[in-house]
PDB file of N, CA and C in Angstrom:
ATOM      1  N   MET A   1      18.973  -4.914 -11.957  1.00  0.00           N
ATOM      2  CA  MET A   1      18.724  -4.655 -10.586  1.00  0.00           C
ATOM      3  C   MET A   1      18.146  -3.386 -10.364  1.00  0.00           C
ATOM      4  N   HIS A   2      17.149  -3.046  -9.839  1.00  0.00           N
ATOM      5  CA  HIS A   2      16.743  -1.590  -9.619  1.00  0.00           C
ATOM      6  C   HIS A   2      17.331  -1.099  -8.251  1.00  0.00           C
ATOM      7  N   HIS A   3      17.373   0.326  -8.298  1.00  0.00           N
ATOM      8  CA  HIS A   3      17.837   0.813  -6.898  1.00  0.00           C
ATOM      9  C   HIS A   3      16.745   0.784  -6.033  1.00  0.00           C
ATOM     10  N   GLU A   4      16.960   0.942  -4.673  1.00  0.00           N
ATOM     11  CA  GLU A   4      15.819   1.312  -4.032  1.00  0.00           C
ATOM     12  C   GLU A   4      15.057   2.691  -4.136  1.00  0.00           C
ATOM     13  N   LEU A   5      13.902   3.048  -4.001  1.00  0.00           N
ATOM     14  CA  LEU A   5      13.247   4.215  -4.158  1.00  0.00           C
ATOM     15  C   LEU A   5      12.745   4.548  -2.987  1.00  0.00           C
ATOM     16  N   SER A   6      12.996   6.010  -2.527  1.00  0.00           N
ATOM     17  CA  SER A   6      12.288   6.515  -1.455  1.00  0.00           C
ATOM     18  C   SER A   6      10.876   6.749  -2.013  1.00  0.00           C
ATOM     19  N   ILE A   7       9.909   6.921  -0.708  1.00  0.00           N
ATOM     20  CA  ILE A   7       8.419   7.366  -1.341  1.00  0.00           C
ATOM     21  C   ILE A   7       8.587   8.630  -2.044  1.00  0.00           C
ATOM     22  N   ARG A   8       9.325   9.630  -1.576  1.00  0.00           N
ATOM     23  CA  ARG A   8       9.335  11.007  -2.354  1.00  0.00           C
ATOM     24  C   ARG A   8       9.829  10.873  -3.747  1.00  0.00           C
ATOM     25  N   GLU A   9      10.938  10.029  -4.180  1.00  0.00           N
ATOM     26  CA  GLU A   9      11.028   9.784  -5.507  1.00  0.00           C
ATOM     27  C   GLU A   9      10.177   9.074  -6.333  1.00  0.00           C
ATOM     28  N   ALA A  10       9.689   8.011  -5.560  1.00  0.00           N
ATOM     29  CA  ALA A  10       8.381   7.312  -6.403  1.00  0.00           C
ATOM     30  C   ALA A  10       7.379   8.206  -6.668  1.00  0.00           C
ATOM     31  N   GLN A  11       7.022   9.216  -5.875  1.00  0.00           N
ATOM     32  CA  GLN A  11       6.070  10.160  -6.204  1.00  0.00           C
ATOM     33  C   GLN A  11       6.448  10.775  -7.315  1.00  0.00           C
ATOM     34  N   ARG A  12       7.627  11.429  -7.445  1.00  0.00           N
ATOM     35  CA  ARG A  12       8.186  12.044  -8.469  1.00  0.00           C
ATOM     36  C   ARG A  12       8.410  11.192  -9.752  1.00  0.00           C
ATOM     37  N   LEU A  13       8.840   9.841  -9.759  1.00  0.00           N
ATOM     38  CA  LEU A  13       8.714   9.053 -10.927  1.00  0.00           C
ATOM     39  C   LEU A  13       7.205   8.868 -11.470  1.00  0.00           C
ATOM     40  N   VAL A  14       6.305   8.531 -10.581  1.00  0.00           N
ATOM     41  CA  VAL A  14       4.827   8.672 -11.322  1.00  0.00           C
ATOM     42  C   VAL A  14       4.502   9.709 -11.835  1.00  0.00           C
ATOM     43  N   ASP A  15       4.835  10.940 -11.257  1.00  0.00           N
ATOM     44  CA  ASP A  15       4.569  12.210 -11.793  1.00  0.00           C
ATOM     45  C   ASP A  15       5.256  12.239 -13.284  1.00  0.00           C
ATOM     46  N   LYS A  16       6.198  12.011 -13.374  1.00  0.00           N
ATOM     47  CA  LYS A  16       6.978  11.768 -14.745  1.00  0.00           C
ATOM     48  C   LYS A  16       6.521  11.011 -15.747  1.00  0.00           C
ATOM     49  N   TRP A  17       6.227   9.672 -15.288  1.00  0.00           N
ATOM     50  CA  TRP A  17       5.403   8.587 -16.018  1.00  0.00           C
ATOM     51  C   TRP A  17       3.890   9.207 -16.571  1.00  0.00           C
ATOM     52  N   ILE A  18       3.173   9.769 -15.741  1.00  0.00           N
ATOM     53  CA  ILE A  18       1.829  10.192 -16.029  1.00  0.00           C
ATOM     54  C   ILE A  18       1.957  11.176 -17.087  1.00  0.00           C
ATOM     55  N   HIS A  19       2.810  12.235 -16.997  1.00  0.00           N
ATOM     56  CA  HIS A  19       3.072  13.304 -18.018  1.00  0.00           C
ATOM     57  C   HIS A  19       3.812  12.868 -19.129  1.00  0.00           C
ATOM     58  N   GLY A  20       4.641  11.623 -19.114  1.00  0.00           N
ATOM     59  CA  GLY A  20       5.306  11.201 -20.320  1.00  0.00           C
ATOM     60  C   GLY A  20       4.582  10.224 -21.327  1.00  0.00           C
ATOM     61  N   TYR A  21       3.774   9.494 -20.419  1.00  0.00           N
ATOM     62  CA  TYR A  21       3.052   8.278 -21.107  1.00  0.00           C
ATOM     63  C   TYR A  21       1.582   8.364 -20.945  1.00  0.00           C
ATOM     64  N   GLY A  22       1.039   8.999 -19.885  1.00  0.00           N
ATOM     65  CA  GLY A  22      -0.268   9.050 -19.397  1.00  0.00           C
ATOM     66  C   GLY A  22      -1.032   9.973 -19.814  1.00  0.00           C
ATOM     67  N   VAL A  23      -0.441  11.112 -20.686  1.00  0.00           N
ATOM     68  CA  VAL A  23      -0.971  12.196 -20.966  1.00  0.00           C
ATOM     69  C   VAL A  23      -1.254  13.213 -19.821  1.00  0.00           C
ATOM     70  N   ARG A  24      -2.161  12.677 -18.990  1.00  0.00           N
ATOM     71  CA  ARG A  24      -2.629  13.728 -17.620  1.00  0.00           C
ATOM     72  C   ARG A  24      -3.082  12.565 -16.741  1.00  0.00           C
ATOM     73  N   TYR A  25      -3.138  13.110 -15.560  1.00  0.00           N
ATOM     74  CA  TYR A  25      -3.860  12.192 -14.379  1.00  0.00           C
ATOM     75  C   TYR A  25      -5.435  12.097 -14.819  1.00  0.00           C
ATOM     76  N   PHE A  26      -5.903  11.196 -14.278  1.00  0.00           N
ATOM     77  CA  PHE A  26      -7.266  11.081 -14.256  1.00  0.00           C
ATOM     78  C   PHE A  26      -7.822  11.805 -13.177  1.00  0.00           C
ATOM     79  N   SER A  27      -9.270  12.193 -13.091  1.00  0.00           N
ATOM     80  CA  SER A  27      -9.618  13.273 -11.970  1.00  0.00           C
ATOM     81  C   SER A  27      -9.499  12.428 -10.787  1.00  0.00           C
ATOM     82  N   GLU A  28      -9.473  13.425  -9.778  1.00  0.00           N
ATOM     83  CA  GLU A  28      -9.300  12.646  -8.656  1.00  0.00           C
ATOM     84  C   GLU A  28     -10.232  11.718  -8.145  1.00  0.00           C
ATOM     85  N   LEU A  29     -11.535  11.862  -8.424  1.00  0.00           N
ATOM     86  CA  LEU A  29     -12.648  11.118  -7.995  1.00  0.00           C
ATOM     87  C   LEU A  29     -12.280   9.829  -8.800  1.00  0.00           C
ATOM     88  N   THR A  30     -11.950   9.968 -10.268  1.00  0.00           N
ATOM     89  CA  THR A  30     -11.718   8.484 -10.902  1.00  0.00           C
ATOM     90  C   THR A  30     -10.731   7.790 -10.169  1.00  0.00           C
ATOM     91  N   ASN A  31      -9.779   8.612  -9.615  1.00  0.00           N
ATOM     92  CA  ASN A  31      -8.384   7.819  -9.366  1.00  0.00           C
ATOM     93  C   ASN A  31      -8.983   7.214  -7.807  1.00  0.00           C
ATOM     94  N   MET A  32      -9.882   7.929  -7.227  1.00  0.00           N
ATOM     95  CA  MET A  32     -10.419   7.248  -5.749  1.00  0.00           C
ATOM     96  C   MET A  32     -11.201   5.989  -6.150  1.00  0.00           C
ATOM     97  N   ALA A  33     -11.909   5.976  -7.304  1.00  0.00           N
ATOM     98  CA  ALA A  33     -12.521   4.713  -7.559  1.00  0.00           C
ATOM     99  C   ALA A  33     -11.726   3.729  -8.059  1.00  0.00           C
ATOM    100  N   CYS A  34     -10.413   4.105  -8.656  1.00  0.00           N
ATOM    101  CA  CYS A  34      -9.469   3.097  -9.160  1.00  0.00           C
ATOM    102  C   CYS A  34      -8.792   2.634  -7.771  1.00  0.00           C
ATOM    103  N   LEU A  35      -8.505   3.465  -6.874  1.00  0.00           N
ATOM    104  CA  LEU A  35      -8.047   3.106  -5.552  1.00  0.00           C
ATOM    105  C   LEU A  35      -8.689   1.915  -4.920  1.00  0.00           C
ATOM    106  N   THR A  36     -10.137   2.232  -4.965  1.00  0.00           N
ATOM    107  CA  THR A  36     -11.044   1.288  -4.238  1.00  0.00           C
ATOM    108  C   THR A  36     -11.066  -0.072  -5.202  1.00  0.00           C
ATOM    109  N   GLU A  37     -11.042   0.175  -6.606  1.00  0.00           N
ATOM    110  CA  GLU A  37     -10.934  -1.318  -7.124  1.00  0.00           C
ATOM    111  C   GLU A  37      -9.700  -1.986  -6.873  1.00  0.00           C
ATOM    112  N   GLU A  38      -8.403  -1.164  -6.694  1.00  0.00           N
ATOM    113  CA  GLU A  38      -7.240  -2.050  -6.688  1.00  0.00           C
ATOM    114  C   GLU A  38      -7.123  -2.478  -5.210  1.00  0.00           C
ATOM    115  N   VAL A  39      -7.805  -2.004  -4.118  1.00  0.00           N
ATOM    116  CA  VAL A  39      -7.870  -2.588  -2.853  1.00  0.00           C
ATOM    117  C   VAL A  39      -8.627  -3.743  -2.978  1.00  0.00           C
ATOM    118  N   GLY A  40      -9.976  -3.644  -3.567  1.00  0.00           N
ATOM    119  CA  GLY A  40     -10.678  -4.778  -3.772  1.00  0.00           C
ATOM    120  C   GLY A  40      -9.839  -6.072  -4.507  1.00  0.00           C
ATOM    121  N   GLU A  41      -9.161  -5.743  -5.405  1.00  0.00           N
ATOM    122  CA  GLU A  41      -8.174  -6.826  -6.011  1.00  0.00           C
ATOM    123  C   GLU A  41      -7.338  -7.611  -4.947  1.00  0.00           C
ATOM    124  N   LEU A  42      -6.695  -6.627  -4.170  1.00  0.00           N
ATOM    125  CA  LEU A  42      -5.828  -7.280  -3.134  1.00  0.00           C
ATOM    126  C   LEU A  42      -6.730  -8.000  -2.282  1.00  0.00           C
ATOM    127  N   ALA A  43      -7.850  -7.560  -1.693  1.00  0.00           N
ATOM    128  CA  ALA A  43      -8.698  -8.320  -0.976  1.00  0.00           C
ATOM    129  C   ALA A  43      -9.133  -9.598  -1.552  1.00  0.00           C
ATOM    130  N   ARG A  44      -9.369  -9.849  -2.602  1.00  0.00           N
ATOM    131  CA  ARG A  44      -9.778 -11.048  -3.344  1.00  0.00           C
ATOM    132  C   ARG A  44      -8.549 -12.014  -3.159  1.00  0.00           C
ATOM    133  N   VAL A  45      -7.365 -11.586  -3.587  1.00  0.00           N
ATOM    134  CA  VAL A  45      -6.099 -12.211  -3.439  1.00  0.00           C
ATOM    135  C   VAL A  45      -5.891 -12.788  -2.156  1.00  0.00           C
ATOM    136  N   MET A  46      -6.204 -11.974  -0.963  1.00  0.00           N
ATOM    137  CA  MET A  46      -5.948 -12.251   0.285  1.00  0.00           C
ATOM    138  C   MET A  46      -6.809 -13.141   0.856  1.00  0.00           C
ATOM    139  N   ALA A  47      -7.863 -13.160   0.297  1.00  0.00           N
ATOM    140  CA  ALA A  47      -9.354 -13.987   0.810  1.00  0.00           C
ATOM    141  C   ALA A  47      -8.821 -15.499   0.165  1.00  0.00           C
ATOM    142  N   ARG A  48      -8.363 -15.548  -0.926  1.00  0.00           N
ATOM    143  CA  ARG A  48      -8.035 -17.024  -1.434  1.00  0.00           C
ATOM    144  C   ARG A  48      -6.567 -17.431  -1.119  1.00  0.00           C
ATOM    145  N   THR A  49      -5.906 -16.522  -0.709  1.00  0.00           N
ATOM    146  CA  THR A  49      -4.552 -16.883  -0.101  1.00  0.00           C
ATOM    147  C   THR A  49      -4.485 -17.599   1.091  1.00  0.00           C
ATOM    148  N   TYR A  50      -5.431 -16.433   2.085  1.00  0.00           N
ATOM    149  CA  TYR A  50      -5.197 -16.858   3.476  1.00  0.00           C
ATOM    150  C   TYR A  50      -6.243 -17.072   4.138  1.00  0.00           C
ATOM    151  N   GLY A  51      -7.631 -17.002   3.382  1.00  0.00           N
ATOM    152  CA  GLY A  51      -8.923 -17.226   3.735  1.00  0.00           C
ATOM    153  C   GLY A  51      -9.322 -18.658   3.285  1.00  0.00           C
ATOM    154  N   ASP A  52     -10.841 -18.630   3.325  1.00  0.00           N
ATOM    155  CA  ASP A  52     -11.446 -19.794   3.038  1.00  0.00           C
ATOM    156  C   ASP A  52     -11.808 -19.908   1.640  1.00  0.00           C
ATOM    157  N   GLN A  53     -11.519 -18.924   0.789  1.00  0.00           N
ATOM    158  CA  GLN A  53     -11.911 -19.156  -0.801  1.00  0.00           C
ATOM    159  C   GLN A  53     -10.791 -19.835  -1.568  1.00  0.00           C
ATOM    160  N   SER A  54     -10.833 -20.296  -2.504  1.00  0.00           N
ATOM    161  CA  SER A  54      -9.958 -20.938  -3.483  1.00  0.00           C
ATOM    162  C   SER A  54      -9.881 -20.004  -4.563  1.00  0.00           C
ATOM    163  N   PHE A  55      -8.570 -20.152  -5.403  1.00  0.00           N
ATOM    164  CA  PHE A  55      -8.416 -19.572  -6.673  1.00  0.00           C
ATOM    165  C   PHE A  55      -9.286 -20.049  -7.950  1.00  0.00           C
ATOM    166  N   LYS A  56      -9.646 -19.545  -8.697  1.00  0.00           N
ATOM    167  CA  LYS A  56     -10.252 -20.067  -9.872  1.00  0.00           C
ATOM    168  C   LYS A  56      -9.175 -20.202 -10.926  1.00  0.00           C
ATOM    169  N   GLU A  57      -9.346 -21.202 -11.726  1.00  0.00           N
ATOM    170  CA  GLU A  57      -8.441 -21.854 -12.582  1.00  0.00           C
ATOM    171  C   GLU A  57      -7.957 -20.563 -13.407  1.00  0.00           C
ATOM    172  N   GLY A  58      -6.685 -20.465 -13.580  1.00  0.00           N
ATOM    173  CA  GLY A  58      -6.003 -19.208 -14.351  1.00  0.00           C
ATOM    174  C   GLY A  58      -6.189 -17.820 -13.724  1.00  0.00           C
ATOM    175  N   GLU A  59      -6.733 -17.858 -12.501  1.00  0.00           N
ATOM    176  CA  GLU A  59      -6.729 -16.475 -11.815  1.00  0.00           C
ATOM    177  C   GLU A  59      -5.364 -16.166 -11.217  1.00  0.00           C
ATOM    178  N   LYS A  60      -4.944 -14.694 -11.558  1.00  0.00           N
ATOM    179  CA  LYS A  60      -3.573 -14.489 -10.941  1.00  0.00           C
ATOM    180  C   LYS A  60      -3.680 -14.340  -9.448  1.00  0.00           C
ATOM    181  N   HIS A  61      -2.465 -14.460  -8.872  1.00  0.00           N
ATOM    182  CA  HIS A  61      -2.534 -14.271  -7.392  1.00  0.00           C
ATOM    183  C   HIS A  61      -1.203 -13.693  -6.660  1.00  0.00           C
ATOM    184  N   ASN A  62      -0.935 -12.480  -7.244  1.00  0.00           N
ATOM    185  CA  ASN A  62       0.445 -11.968  -6.950  1.00  0.00           C
ATOM    186  C   ASN A  62      -0.226 -10.793  -5.951  1.00  0.00           C
ATOM    187  N   ILE A  63       0.260 -10.782  -4.795  1.00  0.00           N
ATOM    188  CA  ILE A  63      -0.073 -10.083  -3.644  1.00  0.00           C
ATOM    189  C   ILE A  63       0.702  -8.892  -3.992  1.00  0.00           C
ATOM    190  N   GLY A  64       2.010  -9.151  -4.117  1.00  0.00           N
ATOM    191  CA  GLY A  64       3.005  -8.003  -4.256  1.00  0.00           C
ATOM    192  C   GLY A  64       2.487  -6.975  -5.371  1.00  0.00           C
ATOM    193  N   GLU A  65       2.152  -7.547  -6.541  1.00  0.00           N
ATOM    194  CA  GLU A  65       1.596  -6.535  -7.551  1.00  0.00           C
ATOM    195  C   GLU A  65       0.341  -5.745  -7.417  1.00  0.00           C
ATOM    196  N   GLU A  66      -0.428  -6.379  -6.626  1.00  0.00           N
ATOM    197  CA  GLU A  66      -1.704  -5.730  -6.112  1.00  0.00           C
ATOM    198  C   GLU A  66      -1.333  -4.597  -5.274  1.00  0.00           C
ATOM    199  N   MET A  67      -0.523  -4.862  -4.407  1.00  0.00           N
ATOM    200  CA  MET A  67      -0.105  -4.082  -3.310  1.00  0.00           C
ATOM    201  C   MET A  67       0.701  -2.565  -4.092  1.00  0.00           C
ATOM    202  N   ALA A  68       1.421  -3.081  -5.237  1.00  0.00           N
ATOM    203  CA  ALA A  68       2.011  -2.163  -5.848  1.00  0.00           C
ATOM    204  C   ALA A  68       1.077  -1.128  -6.828  1.00  0.00           C
ATOM    205  N   ASP A  69       0.098  -1.823  -7.206  1.00  0.00           N
ATOM    206  CA  ASP A  69      -0.848  -1.217  -8.098  1.00  0.00           C
ATOM    207  C   ASP A  69      -1.595  -0.208  -6.973  1.00  0.00           C
ATOM    208  N   ILE A  70      -1.895  -0.589  -5.989  1.00  0.00           N
ATOM    209  CA  ILE A  70      -2.347   0.495  -4.910  1.00  0.00           C
ATOM    210  C   ILE A  70      -1.583   1.527  -4.333  1.00  0.00           C
ATOM    211  N   LEU A  71      -0.255   1.339  -4.457  1.00  0.00           N
ATOM    212  CA  LEU A  71       0.598   2.298  -4.048  1.00  0.00           C
ATOM    213  C   LEU A  71       0.659   3.246  -5.401  1.00  0.00           C
ATOM    214  N   TRP A  72       0.569   2.631  -6.332  1.00  0.00           N
ATOM    215  CA  TRP A  72       0.586   3.641  -7.706  1.00  0.00           C
ATOM    216  C   TRP A  72      -0.473   4.666  -7.788  1.00  0.00           C
ATOM    217  N   VAL A  73      -1.621   4.182  -7.362  1.00  0.00           N
ATOM    218  CA  VAL A  73      -2.859   4.945  -7.661  1.00  0.00           C
ATOM    219  C   VAL A  73      -2.793   5.926  -6.369  1.00  0.00           C
ATOM    220  N   LEU A  74      -2.438   5.468  -5.060  1.00  0.00           N
ATOM    221  CA  LEU A  74      -2.418   6.424  -4.091  1.00  0.00           C
ATOM    222  C   LEU A  74      -1.261   7.467  -4.315  1.00  0.00           C
ATOM    223  N   MET A  75      -0.152   7.129  -4.889  1.00  0.00           N
ATOM    224  CA  MET A  75       0.730   8.306  -5.199  1.00  0.00           C
ATOM    225  C   MET A  75       0.182   9.111  -6.252  1.00  0.00           C
ATOM    226  N   CYS A  76      -0.610   8.728  -7.087  1.00  0.00           N
ATOM    227  CA  CYS A  76      -1.278   9.553  -8.206  1.00  0.00           C
ATOM    228  C   CYS A  76      -2.182  10.467  -7.387  1.00  0.00           C
ATOM    229  N   LEU A  77      -2.837   9.979  -6.425  1.00  0.00           N
ATOM    230  CA  LEU A  77      -3.847  11.012  -5.591  1.00  0.00           C
ATOM    231  C   LEU A  77      -3.080  11.970  -4.735  1.00  0.00           C
ATOM    232  N   ALA A  78      -1.922  11.573  -4.198  1.00  0.00           N
ATOM    233  CA  ALA A  78      -0.993  12.580  -3.486  1.00  0.00           C
ATOM    234  C   ALA A  78      -0.543  13.499  -4.319  1.00  0.00           C
ATOM    235  N   ASN A  79       0.191  13.118  -5.385  1.00  0.00           N
ATOM    236  CA  ASN A  79       0.413  14.207  -6.551  1.00  0.00           C
ATOM    237  C   ASN A  79      -0.638  15.140  -6.804  1.00  0.00           C
ATOM    238  N   GLN A  80      -2.101  14.589  -7.076  1.00  0.00           N
ATOM    239  CA  GLN A  80      -2.821  15.596  -7.497  1.00  0.00           C
ATOM    240  C   GLN A  80      -3.397  16.625  -6.223  1.00  0.00           C
ATOM    241  N   THR A  81      -3.207  16.051  -5.167  1.00  0.00           N
ATOM    242  CA  THR A  81      -3.797  16.901  -4.096  1.00  0.00           C
ATOM    243  C   THR A  81      -2.633  17.449  -3.359  1.00  0.00           C
ATOM    244  N   GLY A  82      -1.419  17.511  -3.714  1.00  0.00           N
ATOM    245  CA  GLY A  82      -0.169  18.277  -3.228  1.00  0.00           C
ATOM    246  C   GLY A  82       0.227  17.656  -1.795  1.00  0.00           C
ATOM    247  N   VAL A  83      -0.042  16.205  -1.661  1.00  0.00           N
ATOM    248  CA  VAL A  83       0.394  15.547  -0.421  1.00  0.00           C
ATOM    249  C   VAL A  83       1.765  15.075  -0.600  1.00  0.00           C
ATOM    250  N   ASP A  84       2.692  15.226   0.449  1.00  0.00           N
ATOM    251  CA  ASP A  84       4.099  14.636   0.599  1.00  0.00           C
ATOM    252  C   ASP A  84       3.877  13.436   1.301  1.00  0.00           C
ATOM    253  N   LEU A  85       3.861  12.110   0.658  1.00  0.00           N
ATOM    254  CA  LEU A  85       3.677  11.167   1.493  1.00  0.00           C
ATOM    255  C   LEU A  85       4.812  10.844   2.420  1.00  0.00           C
ATOM    256  N   THR A  86       5.848  11.245   2.072  1.00  0.00           N
ATOM    257  CA  THR A  86       7.068  10.882   3.080  1.00  0.00           C
ATOM    258  C   THR A  86       6.708  11.705   4.235  1.00  0.00           C
ATOM    259  N   GLU A  87       6.628  13.023   4.053  1.00  0.00           N
ATOM    260  CA  GLU A  87       6.125  13.710   5.388  1.00  0.00           C
ATOM    261  C   GLU A  87       5.084  13.147   6.130  1.00  0.00           C
ATOM    262  N   GLU A  88       3.789  12.784   5.507  1.00  0.00           N
ATOM    263  CA  GLU A  88       2.676  12.262   6.138  1.00  0.00           C
ATOM    264  C   GLU A  88       2.959  11.073   6.673  1.00  0.00           C
ATOM    265  N   LEU A  89       3.765   9.980   6.201  1.00  0.00           N
ATOM    266  CA  LEU A  89       4.079   9.130   6.770  1.00  0.00           C
ATOM    267  C   LEU A  89       4.841   9.149   8.014  1.00  0.00           C
ATOM    268  N   GLN A  90       5.778  10.178   8.108  1.00  0.00           N
ATOM    269  CA  GLN A  90       6.604  10.530   9.295  1.00  0.00           C
ATOM    270  C   GLN A  90       5.623  10.931  10.230  1.00  0.00           C
ATOM    271  N   LYS A  91       4.668  11.762   9.893  1.00  0.00           N
ATOM    272  CA  LYS A  91       3.773  12.358  10.915  1.00  0.00           C
ATOM    273  C   LYS A  91       3.027  11.049  11.523  1.00  0.00           C
ATOM    274  N   SER A  92       2.631  10.181  10.646  1.00  0.00           N
ATOM    275  CA  SER A  92       1.909   8.865  11.286  1.00  0.00           C
ATOM    276  C   SER A  92       2.565   8.333  11.976  1.00  0.00           C
ATOM    277  N   PHE A  93       3.847   7.991  11.959  1.00  0.00           N
ATOM    278  CA  PHE A  93       4.737   7.130  12.705  1.00  0.00           C
ATOM    279  C   PHE A  93       4.907   7.945  14.106  1.00  0.00           C
ATOM    280  N   ASP A  94       5.032   9.274  14.142  1.00  0.00           N
ATOM    281  CA  ASP A  94       5.129   9.991  15.464  1.00  0.00           C
ATOM    282  C   ASP A  94       3.853  10.011  16.229  1.00  0.00           C
ATOM    283  N   LYS A  95       2.835  10.058  15.472  1.00  0.00           N
ATOM    284  CA  LYS A  95       1.383  10.031  16.074  1.00  0.00           C
ATOM    285  C   LYS A  95       1.200   8.663  16.625  1.00  0.00           C
ATOM    286  N   LYS A  96       1.479   7.567  15.913  1.00  0.00           N
ATOM    287  CA  LYS A  96       1.308   6.247  16.494  1.00  0.00           C
ATOM    288  C   LYS A  96       2.359   5.845  17.828  1.00  0.00           C
ATOM    289  N   THR A  97       3.469   6.394  17.585  1.00  0.00           N
ATOM    290  CA  THR A  97       4.352   6.321  18.657  1.00  0.00           C
ATOM    291  C   THR A  97       3.881   6.889  19.940  1.00  0.00           C
ATOM    292  N   THR A  98       3.460   8.207  19.733  1.00  0.00           N
ATOM    293  CA  THR A  98       3.039   9.002  20.998  1.00  0.00           C
ATOM    294  C   THR A  98       1.748   8.253  21.546  1.00  0.00           C
ATOM    295  N   ARG A  99       1.038   7.824  20.782  1.00  0.00           N
ATOM    296  CA  ARG A  99      -0.184   7.538  21.346  1.00  0.00           C
ATOM    297  C   ARG A  99      -0.390   6.079  21.556  1.00  0.00           C
ATOM    298  N   ASP A 100       0.385   5.053  20.873  1.00  0.00           N
ATOM    299  CA  ASP A 100       0.254   3.768  21.091  1.00  0.00           C
ATOM    300  C   ASP A 100       1.622   3.202  21.733  1.00  0.00           C
ATOM    301  N   LYS A 101       2.390   3.786  22.156  1.00  0.00           N
ATOM    302  CA  LYS A 101       3.950   3.334  22.582  1.00  0.00           C
ATOM    303  C   LYS A 101       3.624   2.142  23.710  1.00  0.00           C
ATOM    304  N   ASP A 102       2.574   2.260  24.465  1.00  0.00           N
ATOM    305  CA  ASP A 102       2.468   1.311  25.574  1.00  0.00           C
ATOM    306  C   ASP A 102       1.311   0.425  25.319  1.00  0.00           C
ATOM    307  N   ARG A 103       0.491   1.018  24.621  1.00  0.00           N
ATOM    308  CA  ARG A 103      -0.904   0.299  24.604  1.00  0.00           C
ATOM    309  C   ARG A 103      -0.901  -1.134  23.918  1.00  0.00           C
ATOM    310  N   HIS A 104      -0.209  -1.499  22.909  1.00  0.00           N
ATOM    311  CA  HIS A 104      -0.159  -2.770  22.232  1.00  0.00           C
ATOM    312  C   HIS A 104       0.721  -3.716  23.068  1.00  0.00           C
ATOM    313  N   GLN A 105       1.835  -3.062  23.784  1.00  0.00           N
ATOM    314  CA  GLN A 105       2.541  -4.122  24.743  1.00  0.00           C
ATOM    315  C   GLN A 105       1.724  -4.566  25.781  1.00  0.00           C
ATOM    316  N   GLN A 106       0.719  -3.942  26.133  1.00  0.00           N
ATOM    317  CA  GLN A 106      -0.127  -4.490  27.289  1.00  0.00           C
ATOM    318  C   GLN A 106      -1.236  -5.058  26.753  1.00  0.00           C
ATOM    319  N   ASN A 107      -1.445  -5.308  25.451  1.00  0.00           N
ATOM    320  CA  ASN A 107      -2.606  -5.969  25.036  1.00  0.00           C
ATOM    321  C   ASN A 107      -2.140  -7.386  24.950  1.00  0.00           C
ATOM    322  N   LYS A 108      -3.298  -8.102  25.854  1.00  0.00           N
ATOM    323  CA  LYS A 108      -3.109  -9.675  25.982  1.00  0.00           C
ATOM    324  C   LYS A 108      -3.446 -10.423  24.732  1.00  0.00           C
ATOM    325  N   LYS A 109      -4.353  -9.908  23.914  1.00  0.00           N
ATOM    326  CA  LYS A 109      -4.666 -10.436  22.626  1.00  0.00           C
ATOM    327  C   LYS A 109      -3.311 -10.519  21.724  1.00  0.00           C
ATOM    328  N   LEU A 110      -2.652  -9.501  21.718  1.00  0.00           N
ATOM    329  CA  LEU A 110      -1.383  -9.466  20.898  1.00  0.00           C
ATOM    330  C   LEU A 110      -0.168 -10.134  21.455  1.00  0.00           C
ATOM    331  N   THR A 111       0.036 -10.093  22.823  1.00  0.00           N
ATOM    332  CA  THR A 111       1.167 -10.880  23.516  1.00  0.00           C
ATOM    333  C   THR A 111       1.144 -12.209  23.693  1.00  0.00           C
ATOM    334  N   GLN A 112      -0.073 -12.815  23.376  1.00  0.00           N
ATOM    335  CA  GLN A 112      -0.073 -14.533  23.627  1.00  0.00           C
ATOM    336  C   GLN A 112       0.429 -15.168  22.592  1.00  0.00           C
ATOM    337  N   ALA A 113      -0.431 -15.925  21.950  1.00  0.00           N
ATOM    338  CA  ALA A 113       0.145 -16.695  20.750  1.00  0.00           C
ATOM    339  C   ALA A 113       0.418 -15.839  19.524  1.00  0.00           C
ATOM    340  N   VAL A 114       1.715 -15.747  19.248  1.00  0.00           N
ATOM    341  CA  VAL A 114       2.036 -14.713  18.206  1.00  0.00           C
ATOM    342  C   VAL A 114       2.237 -15.735  17.034  1.00  0.00           C
ATOM    343  N   LYS A 115       1.645 -15.259  15.799  1.00  0.00           N
ATOM    344  CA  LYS A 115       1.730 -16.011  14.649  1.00  0.00           C
ATOM    345  C   LYS A 115       2.843 -15.442  13.896  1.00  0.00           C
ATOM    346  N   PRO A 116       3.623 -16.213  13.360  1.00  0.00           N
ATOM    347  CA  PRO A 116       4.844 -15.657  12.673  1.00  0.00           C
ATOM    348  C   PRO A 116       4.359 -15.058  11.426  1.00  0.00           C
ATOM    349  N   THR A 117       5.351 -14.160  11.008  1.00  0.00           N
ATOM    350  CA  THR A 117       5.010 -13.432   9.726  1.00  0.00           C
ATOM    351  C   THR A 117       6.179 -13.446   8.757  1.00  0.00           C
ATOM    352  N   ASN A 118       5.852 -13.134   7.516  1.00  0.00           N
ATOM    353  CA  ASN A 118       7.034 -13.068   6.541  1.00  0.00           C
ATOM    354  C   ASN A 118       8.133 -11.921   6.464  1.00  0.00           C
ATOM    355  N   THR A 119       7.869 -11.059   7.403  1.00  0.00           N
ATOM    356  CA  THR A 119       8.436  -9.986   7.672  1.00  0.00           C
ATOM    357  C   THR A 119      10.141 -10.177   7.644  1.00  0.00           C
ATOM    358  N   GLU A 120      10.588 -11.354   8.044  1.00  0.00           N
ATOM    359  CA  GLU A 120      12.074 -11.549   8.062  1.00  0.00           C
ATOM    360  C   GLU A 120      12.588 -11.509   6.662  1.00  0.00           C
ATOM    361  N   GLU A 121      11.724 -11.582   5.727  1.00  0.00           N
ATOM    362  CA  GLU A 121      12.347 -11.674   4.045  1.00  0.00           C
ATOM    363  C   GLU A 121      12.650 -10.441   3.846  1.00  0.00           C
ATOM    364  N   LEU A 122      12.027  -9.189   4.418  1.00  0.00           N
ATOM    365  CA  LEU A 122      12.243  -8.107   4.082  1.00  0.00           C
ATOM    366  C   LEU A 122      13.408  -7.280   4.397  1.00  0.00           C
ATOM    367  N   GLN A 123      14.223  -7.819   5.584  1.00  0.00           N
ATOM    368  CA  GLN A 123      15.365  -7.395   6.066  1.00  0.00           C
ATOM    369  C   GLN A 123      16.591  -7.955   5.469  1.00  0.00           C
TER     370      GLN A 123
END
């Protein structure tokens, strides 16, 4: 069983892996293209899992794996550009809390029929 990783620790591990096994980072532009590709792979799985499309025979459909691939490339880009994702995520929470603290509670589209989610599994 692996221990839980903080975002900062995960960024460090990605950097260590890149320098230990990957030789060097791909260019920022290449990694941006890779990130776009990974998001497309997640979109394909989501469209087939929750949308109207169906999986092709033998097609993989691991949502978690696709999300992890996105995180990996995003952490590569953050490392390359000097972004501390822990700091930036905290800033994002603060901004959203200040800006949106009442807005969503008053949105009738959100407060009427609530569709259950799988977030209970995360707790």
